[in-house]
Amino acid sequence: MSSERNVDVFAALILVLSIIGIILMATQYFASLYTGSYYYHSCLDCTYATGGDLAAQIIMLIFLVVQIVIVINDLLPNKFIQKDLDKFGLLLAGCTVLLAIIGLATFGIAYEAYEWWPDTGFYGGIIAGILNTILFFLKSKNK
């Protein structure tokens, strides 16, 4: 007899989306602005990042890493954390969305005199947060 283990599709999707979100947030600009003659950007190592959006980016990355740990725990045959962490993952995913909005708002408030816009890092973080929120919800309802 072969013992087949069903892979949780929701957990696998959360893992992939979190990794993509981390890569986009770590390598791309979070927001950008145009002063009339030059383009400036906010990212993890950019000089025009404000304290609010830089803090939001770092916390979002931490939240996405914790979501990865939660789903890796679910995907392993021998879990290293025995508790059900789906609701905690749902909370972290929702907070990721909230932090992306807060980070963009702080950037926009700081540079309101200029033309500014969200960039790839913002979209990577907020889309990963929204989709992970939906997937954690479906994952918890599917049990």
N, C-alpha and C. Protein backbone atom coordinates (compact mmCIF):
# COMPACT_ATOMS: atom_id res chain seq x y z
N MET A 1 0.83 -1.18 0.00
CA MET A 1 0.00 0.00 0.00
C MET A 1 0.88 1.24 0.00
N SER A 2 0.51 2.15 -0.81
CA SER A 2 1.23 3.41 -0.82
C SER A 2 0.44 4.43 -0.02
N SER A 3 1.16 5.13 0.80
CA SER A 3 0.48 6.16 1.58
C SER A 3 0.68 7.49 0.87
N GLU A 4 -0.41 8.00 0.35
CA GLU A 4 -0.36 9.26 -0.37
C GLU A 4 -0.68 10.40 0.58
N ARG A 5 0.06 11.44 0.45
CA ARG A 5 -0.18 12.63 1.26
C ARG A 5 -0.71 13.73 0.35
N ASN A 6 -1.85 14.25 0.69
CA ASN A 6 -2.43 15.33 -0.11
C ASN A 6 -1.72 16.63 0.21
N VAL A 7 -1.29 17.32 -0.81
CA VAL A 7 -0.65 18.62 -0.65
C VAL A 7 -1.74 19.68 -0.59
N ASP A 8 -1.62 20.55 0.39
CA ASP A 8 -2.57 21.64 0.53
C ASP A 8 -2.28 22.68 -0.55
N VAL A 9 -3.18 22.79 -1.51
CA VAL A 9 -2.98 23.69 -2.64
C VAL A 9 -2.96 25.14 -2.18
N PHE A 10 -3.80 25.48 -1.20
CA PHE A 10 -3.82 26.84 -0.69
C PHE A 10 -2.47 27.21 -0.07
N ALA A 11 -1.89 26.29 0.70
CA ALA A 11 -0.59 26.55 1.32
C ALA A 11 0.50 26.71 0.26
N ALA A 12 0.45 25.91 -0.78
CA ALA A 12 1.44 26.02 -1.86
C ALA A 12 1.31 27.35 -2.58
N LEU A 13 0.09 27.79 -2.83
CA LEU A 13 -0.12 29.09 -3.49
C LEU A 13 0.34 30.25 -2.61
N ILE A 14 0.06 30.16 -1.31
CA ILE A 14 0.52 31.20 -0.38
C ILE A 14 2.04 31.25 -0.37
N LEU A 15 2.68 30.10 -0.39
CA LEU A 15 4.14 30.05 -0.42
C LEU A 15 4.69 30.75 -1.67
N VAL A 16 4.15 30.43 -2.81
CA VAL A 16 4.62 31.03 -4.07
C VAL A 16 4.35 32.53 -4.09
N LEU A 17 3.14 32.95 -3.70
CA LEU A 17 2.80 34.37 -3.72
C LEU A 17 3.65 35.17 -2.73
N SER A 18 3.94 34.60 -1.58
CA SER A 18 4.76 35.29 -0.59
C SER A 18 6.19 35.46 -1.10
N ILE A 19 6.72 34.44 -1.75
CA ILE A 19 8.07 34.54 -2.30
C ILE A 19 8.13 35.59 -3.40
N ILE A 20 7.13 35.60 -4.27
CA ILE A 20 7.08 36.61 -5.33
C ILE A 20 6.95 38.01 -4.73
N GLY A 21 6.11 38.16 -3.72
CA GLY A 21 5.95 39.46 -3.06
C GLY A 21 7.25 39.93 -2.42
N ILE A 22 7.97 39.03 -1.77
CA ILE A 22 9.25 39.39 -1.15
C ILE A 22 10.26 39.81 -2.21
N ILE A 23 10.34 39.07 -3.29
CA ILE A 23 11.29 39.40 -4.36
C ILE A 23 10.97 40.77 -4.95
N LEU A 24 9.69 41.04 -5.22
CA LEU A 24 9.32 42.33 -5.79
C LEU A 24 9.57 43.48 -4.82
N MET A 25 9.27 43.27 -3.56
CA MET A 25 9.47 44.33 -2.59
C MET A 25 10.95 44.59 -2.33
N ALA A 26 11.75 43.55 -2.34
CA ALA A 26 13.18 43.70 -2.03
C ALA A 26 13.98 44.24 -3.21
N THR A 27 13.51 44.03 -4.43
CA THR A 27 14.32 44.41 -5.59
C THR A 27 13.77 45.58 -6.40
N GLN A 28 12.53 45.95 -6.17
CA GLN A 28 11.91 47.00 -6.98
C GLN A 28 11.58 48.22 -6.12
N TYR A 29 11.26 49.31 -6.77
CA TYR A 29 10.87 50.53 -6.07
C TYR A 29 9.49 50.36 -5.46
N PHE A 30 9.31 50.94 -4.27
CA PHE A 30 8.01 50.90 -3.59
C PHE A 30 7.12 52.03 -4.10
N ALA A 31 7.69 53.20 -4.26
CA ALA A 31 6.96 54.36 -4.78
C ALA A 31 7.97 55.28 -5.45
N SER A 32 7.49 56.15 -6.32
CA SER A 32 8.37 57.06 -7.04
C SER A 32 7.75 58.44 -7.10
N LEU A 33 8.61 59.43 -7.35
CA LEU A 33 8.12 60.79 -7.52
C LEU A 33 8.92 61.49 -8.59
N TYR A 34 8.29 62.51 -9.17
CA TYR A 34 8.92 63.32 -10.20
C TYR A 34 8.88 64.77 -9.76
N THR A 35 10.03 65.40 -9.70
CA THR A 35 10.11 66.77 -9.18
C THR A 35 9.99 67.82 -10.27
N GLY A 36 9.90 67.42 -11.50
CA GLY A 36 9.85 68.35 -12.61
C GLY A 36 11.10 68.25 -13.46
N SER A 37 12.15 67.74 -12.85
CA SER A 37 13.39 67.55 -13.61
C SER A 37 14.05 66.20 -13.32
N TYR A 38 13.76 65.60 -12.15
CA TYR A 38 14.38 64.33 -11.78
C TYR A 38 13.33 63.37 -11.21
N TYR A 39 13.63 62.07 -11.35
CA TYR A 39 12.83 61.02 -10.75
C TYR A 39 13.53 60.55 -9.48
N TYR A 40 12.77 60.38 -8.40
CA TYR A 40 13.29 59.85 -7.15
C TYR A 40 12.42 58.68 -6.73
N HIS A 41 12.99 57.78 -5.94
CA HIS A 41 12.29 56.54 -5.62
C HIS A 41 12.40 56.22 -4.14
N SER A 42 11.44 55.43 -3.68
CA SER A 42 11.46 54.87 -2.33
C SER A 42 11.63 53.37 -2.45
N CYS A 43 12.64 52.85 -1.80
CA CYS A 43 12.86 51.41 -1.72
C CYS A 43 13.64 51.14 -0.44
N LEU A 44 14.07 49.92 -0.24
CA LEU A 44 14.75 49.58 1.00
C LEU A 44 16.09 50.30 1.15
N ASP A 45 16.75 50.63 0.05
CA ASP A 45 18.04 51.32 0.15
C ASP A 45 18.07 52.63 -0.63
N CYS A 46 16.91 53.23 -0.85
CA CYS A 46 16.84 54.51 -1.56
C CYS A 46 16.87 55.67 -0.56
N THR A 47 17.41 56.78 -0.98
CA THR A 47 17.53 57.93 -0.08
C THR A 47 16.23 58.70 0.09
N TYR A 48 15.26 58.52 -0.79
CA TYR A 48 14.01 59.27 -0.69
C TYR A 48 12.89 58.50 -0.01
N ALA A 49 13.23 57.40 0.63
CA ALA A 49 12.22 56.68 1.42
C ALA A 49 11.97 57.46 2.70
N THR A 50 10.72 57.60 3.07
CA THR A 50 10.40 58.25 4.33
C THR A 50 10.47 57.20 5.43
N GLY A 51 10.46 57.66 6.67
CA GLY A 51 10.50 56.71 7.79
C GLY A 51 9.30 55.80 7.81
N GLY A 52 8.13 56.34 7.47
CA GLY A 52 6.90 55.55 7.49
C GLY A 52 6.87 54.47 6.43
N ASP A 53 7.22 54.81 5.20
CA ASP A 53 7.13 53.79 4.17
C ASP A 53 8.29 52.79 4.27
N LEU A 54 9.44 53.22 4.77
CA LEU A 54 10.54 52.28 4.97
C LEU A 54 10.19 51.28 6.07
N ALA A 55 9.62 51.77 7.17
CA ALA A 55 9.19 50.87 8.24
C ALA A 55 8.11 49.92 7.75
N ALA A 56 7.17 50.42 6.97
CA ALA A 56 6.10 49.57 6.44
C ALA A 56 6.67 48.49 5.53
N GLN A 57 7.65 48.85 4.69
CA GLN A 57 8.25 47.86 3.80
C GLN A 57 8.96 46.76 4.59
N ILE A 58 9.71 47.14 5.62
CA ILE A 58 10.44 46.16 6.41
C ILE A 58 9.48 45.24 7.17
N ILE A 59 8.45 45.81 7.77
CA ILE A 59 7.48 45.00 8.51
C ILE A 59 6.71 44.09 7.55
N MET A 60 6.38 44.59 6.36
CA MET A 60 5.69 43.76 5.37
C MET A 60 6.56 42.56 4.97
N LEU A 61 7.85 42.80 4.79
CA LEU A 61 8.75 41.69 4.46
C LEU A 61 8.80 40.66 5.59
N ILE A 62 8.83 41.13 6.82
CA ILE A 62 8.83 40.21 7.97
C ILE A 62 7.52 39.42 8.00
N PHE A 63 6.40 40.09 7.78
CA PHE A 63 5.11 39.41 7.78
C PHE A 63 5.04 38.35 6.68
N LEU A 64 5.58 38.66 5.49
CA LEU A 64 5.57 37.68 4.40
C LEU A 64 6.47 36.49 4.73
N VAL A 65 7.60 36.73 5.39
CA VAL A 65 8.48 35.62 5.79
C VAL A 65 7.77 34.73 6.81
N VAL A 66 7.07 35.34 7.76
CA VAL A 66 6.33 34.55 8.76
C VAL A 66 5.22 33.74 8.08
N GLN A 67 4.56 34.31 7.07
CA GLN A 67 3.55 33.56 6.33
C GLN A 67 4.18 32.37 5.62
N ILE A 68 5.39 32.54 5.11
CA ILE A 68 6.10 31.42 4.47
C ILE A 68 6.38 30.34 5.50
N VAL A 69 6.81 30.71 6.70
CA VAL A 69 7.08 29.74 7.75
C VAL A 69 5.81 28.98 8.12
N ILE A 70 4.70 29.70 8.19
CA ILE A 70 3.42 29.05 8.53
C ILE A 70 3.04 28.00 7.49
N VAL A 71 3.14 28.34 6.21
CA VAL A 71 2.72 27.38 5.19
C VAL A 71 3.76 26.25 5.00
N ILE A 72 5.02 26.54 5.22
CA ILE A 72 6.02 25.45 5.17
C ILE A 72 5.73 24.46 6.29
N ASN A 73 5.35 24.98 7.46
CA ASN A 73 4.96 24.11 8.56
C ASN A 73 3.78 23.23 8.17
N ASP A 74 2.82 23.78 7.43
CA ASP A 74 1.66 23.00 6.99
C ASP A 74 2.01 21.99 5.90
N LEU A 75 3.00 22.31 5.08
CA LEU A 75 3.35 21.43 3.98
C LEU A 75 4.26 20.27 4.40
N LEU A 76 4.96 20.43 5.51
CA LEU A 76 5.86 19.37 5.97
C LEU A 76 5.06 18.21 6.56
N PRO A 77 5.53 16.97 6.36
CA PRO A 77 4.83 15.84 6.95
C PRO A 77 4.89 15.83 8.48
N ASN A 78 6.02 16.23 9.04
CA ASN A 78 6.17 16.33 10.50
C ASN A 78 6.25 17.81 10.85
N LYS A 79 5.15 18.35 11.33
CA LYS A 79 5.10 19.78 11.63
C LYS A 79 6.01 20.11 12.80
N PHE A 80 6.71 21.25 12.69
CA PHE A 80 7.55 21.68 13.80
C PHE A 80 6.79 22.59 14.76
N ILE A 81 5.63 23.09 14.34
CA ILE A 81 4.70 23.81 15.21
C ILE A 81 3.37 23.06 15.14
N GLN A 82 2.91 22.56 16.25
CA GLN A 82 1.75 21.68 16.25
C GLN A 82 0.42 22.43 16.21
N LYS A 83 0.41 23.71 16.53
CA LYS A 83 -0.83 24.48 16.55
C LYS A 83 -1.29 24.80 15.13
N ASP A 84 -2.59 25.05 15.00
CA ASP A 84 -3.15 25.52 13.73
C ASP A 84 -2.93 27.03 13.64
N LEU A 85 -2.13 27.46 12.69
CA LEU A 85 -1.73 28.86 12.58
C LEU A 85 -2.43 29.59 11.44
N ASP A 86 -3.49 29.03 10.90
CA ASP A 86 -4.17 29.66 9.76
C ASP A 86 -4.76 31.02 10.11
N LYS A 87 -5.34 31.16 11.28
CA LYS A 87 -5.92 32.45 11.66
C LYS A 87 -4.83 33.49 11.89
N PHE A 88 -3.70 33.06 12.42
CA PHE A 88 -2.57 33.97 12.58
C PHE A 88 -2.04 34.41 11.22
N GLY A 89 -1.97 33.47 10.28
CA GLY A 89 -1.56 33.80 8.91
C GLY A 89 -2.54 34.75 8.25
N LEU A 90 -3.83 34.53 8.48
CA LEU A 90 -4.87 35.43 7.95
C LEU A 90 -4.68 36.84 8.51
N LEU A 91 -4.40 36.95 9.80
CA LEU A 91 -4.17 38.25 10.43
C LEU A 91 -2.92 38.92 9.84
N LEU A 92 -1.85 38.17 9.66
CA LEU A 92 -0.62 38.73 9.10
C LEU A 92 -0.82 39.18 7.65
N ALA A 93 -1.56 38.41 6.88
CA ALA A 93 -1.82 38.79 5.49
C ALA A 93 -2.66 40.06 5.41
N GLY A 94 -3.67 40.16 6.27
CA GLY A 94 -4.47 41.38 6.32
C GLY A 94 -3.65 42.58 6.76
N CYS A 95 -2.76 42.38 7.72
CA CYS A 95 -1.89 43.48 8.17
C CYS A 95 -0.90 43.87 7.09
N THR A 96 -0.52 42.94 6.23
CA THR A 96 0.37 43.25 5.11
C THR A 96 -0.31 44.23 4.17
N VAL A 97 -1.57 44.01 3.89
CA VAL A 97 -2.34 44.93 3.05
C VAL A 97 -2.44 46.30 3.71
N LEU A 98 -2.75 46.31 4.98
CA LEU A 98 -2.88 47.56 5.72
C LEU A 98 -1.55 48.33 5.74
N LEU A 99 -0.46 47.64 5.95
CA LEU A 99 0.85 48.30 5.97
C LEU A 99 1.24 48.85 4.60
N ALA A 100 0.86 48.15 3.53
CA ALA A 100 1.15 48.67 2.19
C ALA A 100 0.42 49.99 1.97
N ILE A 101 -0.82 50.06 2.40
CA ILE A 101 -1.60 51.30 2.25
C ILE A 101 -1.02 52.40 3.13
N ILE A 102 -0.66 52.07 4.36
CA ILE A 102 -0.07 53.06 5.28
C ILE A 102 1.27 53.56 4.73
N GLY A 103 2.10 52.64 4.24
CA GLY A 103 3.39 53.03 3.69
C GLY A 103 3.26 53.95 2.50
N LEU A 104 2.34 53.64 1.61
CA LEU A 104 2.12 54.50 0.45
C LEU A 104 1.55 55.85 0.87
N ALA A 105 0.67 55.85 1.85
CA ALA A 105 0.09 57.11 2.33
C ALA A 105 1.15 58.01 2.95
N THR A 106 2.07 57.43 3.72
CA THR A 106 3.12 58.26 4.31
C THR A 106 4.05 58.82 3.24
N PHE A 107 4.32 58.05 2.21
CA PHE A 107 5.12 58.56 1.10
C PHE A 107 4.39 59.69 0.40
N GLY A 108 3.11 59.50 0.14
CA GLY A 108 2.32 60.52 -0.54
C GLY A 108 2.18 61.79 0.27
N ILE A 109 2.03 61.66 1.57
CA ILE A 109 1.93 62.85 2.42
C ILE A 109 3.25 63.60 2.45
N ALA A 110 4.36 62.87 2.52
CA ALA A 110 5.67 63.51 2.59
C ALA A 110 6.00 64.25 1.29
N TYR A 111 5.55 63.71 0.18
CA TYR A 111 5.89 64.31 -1.12
C TYR A 111 4.65 64.79 -1.87
N GLU A 112 3.72 65.35 -1.14
CA GLU A 112 2.47 65.79 -1.76
C GLU A 112 2.65 66.93 -2.75
N ALA A 113 3.74 67.67 -2.63
CA ALA A 113 3.97 68.80 -3.54
C ALA A 113 4.42 68.35 -4.93
N TYR A 114 4.77 67.08 -5.05
CA TYR A 114 5.28 66.55 -6.31
C TYR A 114 4.31 65.52 -6.89
N GLU A 115 4.56 65.17 -8.12
CA GLU A 115 3.81 64.09 -8.75
C GLU A 115 4.41 62.77 -8.26
N TRP A 116 3.61 61.94 -7.61
CA TRP A 116 4.12 60.68 -7.07
C TRP A 116 3.15 59.55 -7.43
N TRP A 117 3.63 58.31 -7.35
CA TRP A 117 2.81 57.15 -7.70
C TRP A 117 3.37 55.91 -7.03
N PRO A 118 2.51 54.90 -6.81
CA PRO A 118 2.99 53.61 -6.30
C PRO A 118 3.77 52.89 -7.39
N ASP A 119 4.70 52.07 -6.96
CA ASP A 119 5.54 51.37 -7.92
C ASP A 119 5.46 49.86 -7.70
N THR A 120 6.30 49.12 -8.36
CA THR A 120 6.23 47.66 -8.40
C THR A 120 6.31 47.02 -7.02
N GLY A 121 7.17 47.52 -6.15
CA GLY A 121 7.29 46.97 -4.80
C GLY A 121 5.99 47.07 -4.02
N PHE A 122 5.30 48.20 -4.16
CA PHE A 122 4.01 48.37 -3.51
C PHE A 122 3.01 47.34 -4.03
N TYR A 123 2.94 47.23 -5.36
CA TYR A 123 1.97 46.29 -5.94
C TYR A 123 2.31 44.85 -5.58
N GLY A 124 3.60 44.51 -5.52
CA GLY A 124 3.98 43.16 -5.11
C GLY A 124 3.53 42.86 -3.69
N GLY A 125 3.70 43.83 -2.80
CA GLY A 125 3.31 43.64 -1.41
C GLY A 125 1.80 43.59 -1.20
N ILE A 126 1.09 44.52 -1.83
CA ILE A 126 -0.36 44.58 -1.59
C ILE A 126 -1.08 43.42 -2.28
N ILE A 127 -0.64 43.03 -3.46
CA ILE A 127 -1.28 41.91 -4.15
C ILE A 127 -1.01 40.60 -3.41
N ALA A 128 0.23 40.42 -2.95
CA ALA A 128 0.53 39.23 -2.15
C ALA A 128 -0.31 39.22 -0.88
N GLY A 129 -0.48 40.38 -0.24
CA GLY A 129 -1.28 40.45 0.97
C GLY A 129 -2.75 40.15 0.72
N ILE A 130 -3.31 40.72 -0.34
CA ILE A 130 -4.73 40.49 -0.65
C ILE A 130 -4.98 39.02 -0.99
N LEU A 131 -4.15 38.48 -1.88
CA LEU A 131 -4.36 37.09 -2.29
C LEU A 131 -4.08 36.12 -1.14
N ASN A 132 -3.07 36.41 -0.32
CA ASN A 132 -2.80 35.54 0.83
C ASN A 132 -3.93 35.60 1.85
N THR A 133 -4.54 36.78 2.01
CA THR A 133 -5.70 36.89 2.91
C THR A 133 -6.83 35.99 2.42
N ILE A 134 -7.11 36.04 1.14
CA ILE A 134 -8.17 35.20 0.57
C ILE A 134 -7.80 33.73 0.72
N LEU A 135 -6.55 33.39 0.41
CA LEU A 135 -6.14 31.98 0.47
C LEU A 135 -6.09 31.45 1.89
N PHE A 136 -5.65 32.24 2.86
CA PHE A 136 -5.69 31.79 4.26
C PHE A 136 -7.12 31.61 4.73
N PHE A 137 -8.02 32.49 4.29
CA PHE A 137 -9.43 32.33 4.63
C PHE A 137 -10.00 31.04 4.05
N LEU A 138 -9.74 30.79 2.77
CA LEU A 138 -10.22 29.57 2.13
C LEU A 138 -9.58 28.33 2.75
N LYS A 139 -8.32 28.45 3.11
CA LYS A 139 -7.60 27.33 3.74
C LYS A 139 -8.22 26.97 5.08
N SER A 140 -8.57 28.00 5.88
CA SER A 140 -9.17 27.72 7.18
C SER A 140 -10.60 27.18 7.04
N LYS A 141 -11.33 27.62 6.00
CA LYS A 141 -12.70 27.12 5.79
C LYS A 141 -12.70 25.72 5.19
N ASN A 142 -11.60 25.34 4.54
CA ASN A 142 -11.51 24.05 3.87
C ASN A 142 -11.20 22.90 4.82
N LYS A 143 -10.82 23.19 6.05
CA LYS A 143 -10.43 22.13 7.00
C LYS A 143 -11.61 21.41 7.55
